Amino acid sequence: MFCRRLSPVFRGNLKPEMPESTITLHQITAAEAIPIRAEVLRSGLPLSAASYICDEHPAVYHAGAYVDGKLIGVATVFPDLPPKSENELAWRLRGMAVCDNFRGLGIGRLLLGNCIEHVGEMGGNLLWCNARTPVLEFYSVMGFHPVGDEFMIPVSGPHYLMSRKIS
């Protein structure tokens, strides 16, 4: 399994309650990501509801955050055009999820920072996502900006399309 060192740029996003030494970020498989997605994003639905077609994309990257050897957060990025765009260097973030007991400690920031770095390393110049409305502030802090109006996704509620440039 590939272990990624924490970049100094994103290492500072960790909250004091979570010592850096206990967290590792690894590239994981879709099979490892799906149970965390199901628990956090698709609670009460079948496990298959947390499986995405992008999981089989040849360039997909699944990031996993571990605390003391236990997987507690996941995020997935892959090349994908945002709606109404022709930016062929755009990537999409999906399935960003951190287990309840570990939210608010900076784990999501580390995961997203890891994904941003990966997209940049792959030559991507834009990262976009459909962000749930209650977490707009999280994405804003990470450099994302809303594009357009709020919209509904039937299974998961109100969202905004958000994007950020990758340099």
Foldseek 3Di string as FASTA:
>chain_A
DAWDDQDPVLVVLFAPVDDPVQKTKGWDALVVLQVQLCVFQVDPDDSVVSDDPCSPPPAKTKMFMGGNRHTFWIKIKDQDDDPPDDQRLEMEIDSTGGHPVCPPRSPSSRRVVVVLVVSVVVVHFKYKYWAAPVCPVVVVVVAKDFDDDWDADVRGGITTIIMHTRD
